[in-house]
Amino acid sequence: MLLVIDTGNTNTLFAVHDGSTWRGQWRSATDMTKTADDYAVWLSQLMEINQLRLLDLTACIISTVVPQSLFNQRNFARRYLKVEPLVVGENVRLGVEVRISRPSEVGADRLVNAIGAHAAYSGPLIVIDSGTATTFDVVAADGSFEGGIIAPGINLSMKALHEAAAKLPRVAIQRPERVIGRDTVQAMQAGVFWGYIDLIDGLVERIKEEYGQPMTAIATGGVASLFEGAARRIDHFDPDVTIRGLLLLYQRNVTATSRGA
């Protein structure tokens, strides 16, 4: 079985694939101080709920935008899974062209998303990943990565609003019933939520106008479900874009290795 690890700035996703289906997915707050032993204890307990064991895992692939976490995650794979993990950006062949001026600067998560989205949807794509940052990435019809947009994430915006204004409380992000808030909390929630909806819809429209071709917009990421039913320019909500991309990358690289490529 394959373990995929996707480490973002806020959360880390672990998922297990048995060769035909996903057997489990679990999220943990990204913590650079977690050791290999911490990962082993935490993951083994959650896997047991799904009738799985660490010993069932025979391969691992890691994508991370937090380099400080990679050392311990690699040690976890070596020590407890007895495998050398594939790491996106190090020893993984992408199999797609990166058509931007500085390909080395693109985050591993954005490239993995491009691969995962292209595998499931046809035509030019806009992949919107809502996490610590909200990214809008353009994927050509042939799967090539063609750049995009990076904006602050919705949670980051709410946190900044609270920390920069002494009298504004910390509030939960949720879809308010009204656009016009009747108190401070409602006003903050409306401003951040509906502001982000308009940011998403507006940027999707601008990307389509500039690209000059029909495009399909796919939303993924930890908070993407908040926008479902509200963002009018999103065509599909797909929480598995990233892990699908990691699975495909693993399969491509294992096949290439077995062929002596």
Protein backbone atom coordinates (compact mmCIF):
# COMPACT_ATOMS: atom_id res chain seq x y z
CA MET A 1 0.00 0.00 0.00
CA LEU A 2 1.07 3.56 -0.74
CA LEU A 3 1.22 6.35 1.84
CA VAL A 4 1.00 9.87 0.42
CA ILE A 5 1.94 12.85 2.59
CA ASP A 6 0.99 16.39 1.56
CA THR A 7 2.42 19.01 3.91
CA GLY A 8 0.98 22.52 3.71
CA ASN A 9 1.71 25.51 5.88
CA THR A 10 -1.37 24.87 8.04
CA ASN A 11 -2.27 21.18 7.73
CA THR A 12 -0.61 17.93 6.71
CA LEU A 13 -2.67 15.29 4.92
CA PHE A 14 -1.88 11.57 5.12
CA ALA A 15 -3.71 9.17 2.81
CA VAL A 16 -3.40 5.45 2.05
CA HIS A 17 -4.06 3.85 -1.34
CA ASP A 18 -4.21 0.07 -1.73
CA GLY A 19 -3.71 -0.02 -5.50
CA SER A 20 -7.37 0.33 -6.38
CA THR A 21 -8.97 2.71 -3.87
CA TRP A 22 -8.23 5.16 -1.06
CA ARG A 23 -8.47 3.35 2.28
CA GLY A 24 -8.17 6.34 4.58
CA GLN A 25 -7.35 10.04 4.85
CA TRP A 26 -6.27 11.94 7.96
CA ARG A 27 -5.25 15.54 8.65
CA SER A 28 -2.89 16.90 11.27
CA ALA A 29 -1.82 20.43 12.08
CA THR A 30 1.56 21.04 10.47
CA ASP A 31 4.14 21.08 13.24
CA MET A 32 7.82 21.32 12.40
CA THR A 33 8.75 19.88 15.81
CA LYS A 34 7.01 16.54 15.24
CA THR A 35 9.52 13.70 15.19
CA ALA A 36 9.43 10.46 13.23
CA ASP A 37 8.19 8.74 16.40
CA ASP A 38 5.37 11.28 16.78
CA TYR A 39 4.18 10.56 13.24
CA ALA A 40 4.34 6.82 13.84
CA VAL A 41 2.28 6.90 17.05
CA TRP A 42 -0.33 9.30 15.65
CA LEU A 43 -0.76 7.61 12.28
CA SER A 44 -0.76 4.03 13.58
CA GLN A 45 -3.62 4.79 15.97
CA LEU A 46 -5.74 6.36 13.22
CA MET A 47 -4.96 3.59 10.74
CA GLU A 48 -6.08 1.00 13.27
CA ILE A 49 -9.60 2.47 13.14
CA ASN A 50 -9.64 1.56 9.42
CA GLN A 51 -8.21 -1.92 10.10
CA LEU A 52 -4.82 -0.91 8.73
CA ARG A 53 -1.30 -1.15 10.12
CA LEU A 54 1.96 0.65 9.44
CA LEU A 55 3.33 -2.72 8.32
CA ASP A 56 0.80 -2.67 5.47
CA LEU A 57 2.53 0.36 3.94
CA THR A 58 5.14 -0.53 1.34
CA ALA A 59 5.74 2.82 -0.41
CA CYS A 60 5.62 6.53 0.31
CA ILE A 61 5.59 9.80 -1.62
CA ILE A 62 5.88 13.24 -0.01
CA SER A 63 4.97 16.74 -1.22
CA THR A 64 5.80 19.61 1.10
CA VAL A 65 5.99 23.40 1.12
CA VAL A 66 7.52 23.27 4.61
CA PRO A 67 11.13 22.07 4.18
CA GLN A 68 11.68 21.91 7.94
CA SER A 69 9.14 19.05 8.19
CA LEU A 70 10.74 16.92 5.49
CA PHE A 71 13.63 15.61 7.60
CA ASN A 72 11.37 13.94 10.17
CA GLN A 73 8.85 12.72 7.60
CA ARG A 74 11.65 11.09 5.61
CA ASN A 75 12.99 9.48 8.77
CA PHE A 76 9.50 8.23 9.61
CA ALA A 77 9.26 6.49 6.22
CA ARG A 78 12.74 4.99 6.55
CA ARG A 79 12.40 3.85 10.15
CA TYR A 80 8.80 2.65 10.35
CA LEU A 81 7.88 1.81 6.75
CA LYS A 82 11.36 0.57 5.77
CA VAL A 83 11.17 2.47 2.47
CA GLU A 84 12.94 5.42 0.86
CA PRO A 85 10.19 7.95 0.09
CA LEU A 86 9.83 9.74 -3.22
CA VAL A 87 9.94 13.50 -2.64
CA VAL A 88 8.37 15.92 -5.12
CA GLY A 89 11.04 18.37 -6.21
CA GLU A 90 13.93 16.05 -5.39
CA ASN A 91 13.75 12.59 -6.94
CA VAL A 92 10.38 12.69 -8.71
CA ARG A 93 9.93 13.20 -12.44
CA LEU A 94 6.85 15.33 -13.05
CA GLY A 95 6.18 14.31 -16.63
CA VAL A 96 4.68 17.73 -17.44
CA GLU A 97 6.14 20.95 -18.79
CA VAL A 98 6.37 23.98 -16.49
CA ARG A 99 5.91 26.97 -18.79
CA ILE A 100 6.95 29.88 -16.57
CA SER A 101 10.08 32.00 -16.37
CA ARG A 102 11.41 30.39 -13.16
CA PRO A 103 10.14 26.80 -12.89
CA SER A 104 12.20 26.11 -9.75
CA GLU A 105 10.14 28.64 -7.77
CA VAL A 106 6.81 26.84 -8.19
CA GLY A 107 5.61 25.13 -5.01
CA ALA A 108 5.38 21.35 -5.12
CA ASP A 109 1.72 21.52 -4.13
CA ARG A 110 0.80 23.62 -7.16
CA LEU A 111 2.49 21.22 -9.58
CA VAL A 112 0.90 18.19 -7.93
CA ASN A 113 -2.51 19.88 -8.18
CA ALA A 114 -1.97 20.52 -11.87
CA ILE A 115 -1.27 16.84 -12.45
CA GLY A 116 -4.19 15.65 -10.32
CA ALA A 117 -6.65 18.02 -11.99
CA HIS A 118 -5.51 17.26 -15.54
CA ALA A 119 -6.03 13.55 -14.92
CA ALA A 120 -9.71 14.05 -14.11
CA TYR A 121 -10.80 16.99 -16.27
CA SER A 122 -10.28 17.92 -19.92
CA GLY A 123 -9.42 21.21 -21.56
CA PRO A 124 -7.60 24.19 -20.06
CA LEU A 125 -8.17 24.35 -16.30
CA ILE A 126 -8.08 26.78 -13.41
CA VAL A 127 -7.20 24.97 -10.17
CA ILE A 128 -8.16 26.93 -7.05
CA ASP A 129 -6.53 25.63 -3.87
CA SER A 130 -7.79 27.24 -0.66
CA GLY A 131 -5.42 26.89 2.25
CA THR A 132 -3.03 29.23 4.04
CA ALA A 133 -2.81 30.93 0.67
CA THR A 134 -5.41 30.77 -2.07
CA THR A 135 -3.79 29.84 -5.37
CA PHE A 136 -5.27 30.01 -8.85
CA ASP A 137 -3.22 27.89 -11.24
CA VAL A 138 -3.62 27.59 -14.99
CA VAL A 139 -3.21 24.15 -16.55
CA ALA A 140 -3.06 23.89 -20.33
CA ALA A 141 -5.07 21.34 -22.30
CA ASP A 142 -1.93 19.17 -22.57
CA GLY A 143 -1.38 19.26 -18.79
CA SER A 144 1.40 21.83 -18.76
CA PHE A 145 1.61 24.28 -15.85
CA GLU A 146 1.29 27.85 -17.15
CA GLY A 147 1.41 30.01 -14.02
CA GLY A 148 -1.27 31.58 -11.88
CA ILE A 149 -2.12 33.80 -8.94
CA ILE A 150 -1.30 33.65 -5.22
CA ALA A 151 -3.55 35.48 -2.74
CA PRO A 152 -3.82 35.39 1.08
CA GLY A 153 -6.02 32.57 2.37
CA ILE A 154 -9.35 33.27 4.02
CA ASN A 155 -8.17 32.18 7.49
CA LEU A 156 -5.07 34.33 7.17
CA SER A 157 -7.20 37.34 6.26
CA MET A 158 -9.49 36.84 9.25
CA LYS A 159 -6.50 36.45 11.56
CA ALA A 160 -4.89 39.63 10.21
CA LEU A 161 -8.13 41.56 10.68
CA HIS A 162 -8.34 40.49 14.33
CA GLU A 163 -4.67 41.11 15.12
CA ALA A 164 -4.43 44.50 13.41
CA ALA A 165 -7.61 46.03 14.88
CA ALA A 166 -7.69 46.16 18.67
CA LYS A 167 -11.49 46.13 19.03
CA LEU A 168 -12.27 43.40 16.49
CA PRO A 169 -12.75 39.93 18.02
CA ARG A 170 -11.50 36.62 16.68
CA VAL A 171 -14.47 34.96 14.96
CA ALA A 172 -15.10 31.69 13.15
CA ILE A 173 -15.33 31.74 9.38
CA GLN A 174 -18.75 30.71 8.13
CA ARG A 175 -21.27 31.69 5.50
CA PRO A 176 -23.44 34.45 6.99
CA GLU A 177 -27.16 34.55 6.28
CA ARG A 178 -26.98 38.20 5.25
CA VAL A 179 -24.51 40.34 3.35
CA ILE A 180 -25.22 43.34 5.61
CA GLY A 181 -24.08 42.49 9.13
CA ARG A 182 -26.23 43.59 12.07
CA ASP A 183 -23.37 43.42 14.58
CA THR A 184 -19.57 43.33 14.54
CA VAL A 185 -19.24 39.55 14.24
CA GLN A 186 -21.74 39.37 11.39
CA ALA A 187 -20.05 42.29 9.65
CA MET A 188 -16.63 40.62 9.87
CA GLN A 189 -17.97 37.29 8.67
CA ALA A 190 -19.79 38.90 5.77
CA GLY A 191 -16.78 40.96 4.75
CA VAL A 192 -14.35 38.06 4.75
CA PHE A 193 -16.68 35.39 3.35
CA TRP A 194 -18.39 37.38 0.61
CA GLY A 195 -15.18 39.23 -0.10
CA TYR A 196 -13.52 35.90 -0.81
CA ILE A 197 -16.41 34.71 -2.94
CA ASP A 198 -16.07 37.81 -5.09
CA LEU A 199 -12.28 37.41 -5.14
CA ILE A 200 -12.65 33.86 -6.45
CA ASP A 201 -15.33 34.65 -9.01
CA GLY A 202 -13.62 37.84 -10.11
CA LEU A 203 -10.18 36.31 -10.58
CA VAL A 204 -11.59 33.29 -12.42
CA GLU A 205 -13.31 35.69 -14.84
CA ARG A 206 -10.13 37.72 -15.32
CA ILE A 207 -8.05 34.59 -15.96
CA LYS A 208 -10.55 33.34 -18.54
CA GLU A 209 -10.62 36.72 -20.26
CA GLU A 210 -6.83 36.89 -20.46
CA TYR A 211 -6.40 33.24 -21.48
CA GLY A 212 -8.90 33.62 -24.28
CA GLN A 213 -10.25 30.06 -24.22
CA PRO A 214 -13.06 28.22 -22.43
CA MET A 215 -11.74 26.94 -19.11
CA THR A 216 -12.99 24.68 -16.33
CA ALA A 217 -12.52 25.87 -12.73
CA ILE A 218 -11.87 23.25 -10.04
CA ALA A 219 -11.73 24.06 -6.32
CA THR A 220 -9.79 21.99 -3.81
CA GLY A 221 -8.03 22.47 -0.48
CA GLY A 222 -8.88 22.42 3.20
CA VAL A 223 -11.50 25.20 3.20
CA ALA A 224 -12.85 24.90 -0.35
CA SER A 225 -16.07 23.33 0.91
CA LEU A 226 -16.95 26.69 2.53
CA PHE A 227 -17.45 28.18 -0.92
CA GLU A 228 -19.63 25.43 -2.41
CA GLY A 229 -22.98 26.84 -3.48
CA ALA A 230 -21.74 30.42 -3.14
CA ALA A 231 -18.94 30.80 -5.71
CA ARG A 232 -20.65 30.96 -9.09
CA ARG A 233 -17.56 30.51 -11.28
CA ILE A 234 -16.39 27.21 -9.79
CA ASP A 235 -17.43 24.24 -11.93
CA HIS A 236 -16.29 21.37 -9.69
CA PHE A 237 -15.39 20.94 -6.01
CA ASP A 238 -12.86 18.11 -5.78
CA PRO A 239 -11.12 17.41 -2.44
CA ASP A 240 -8.93 14.67 -3.95
CA VAL A 241 -7.01 16.71 -6.53
CA THR A 242 -3.75 16.72 -4.56
CA ILE A 243 -3.68 13.08 -3.46
CA ARG A 244 -4.69 12.01 -6.97
CA GLY A 245 -1.71 13.94 -8.32
CA LEU A 246 0.62 12.31 -5.80
CA LEU A 247 -0.70 8.85 -6.67
CA LEU A 248 -0.11 9.49 -10.39
CA LEU A 249 3.39 10.80 -9.75
CA TYR A 250 4.23 7.71 -7.73
CA GLN A 251 2.88 5.41 -10.45
CA ARG A 252 4.77 7.26 -13.20
CA ASN A 253 8.05 7.17 -11.35
CA VAL A 254 7.80 3.57 -10.27
CA THR A 255 6.99 2.56 -13.86
CA ALA A 256 9.88 4.62 -15.19
CA THR A 257 12.27 3.04 -12.68
CA SER A 258 11.11 -0.49 -13.49
CA ARG A 259 11.78 0.21 -17.18
CA GLY A 260 15.25 1.53 -16.41
CA ALA A 261 14.36 5.07 -17.50
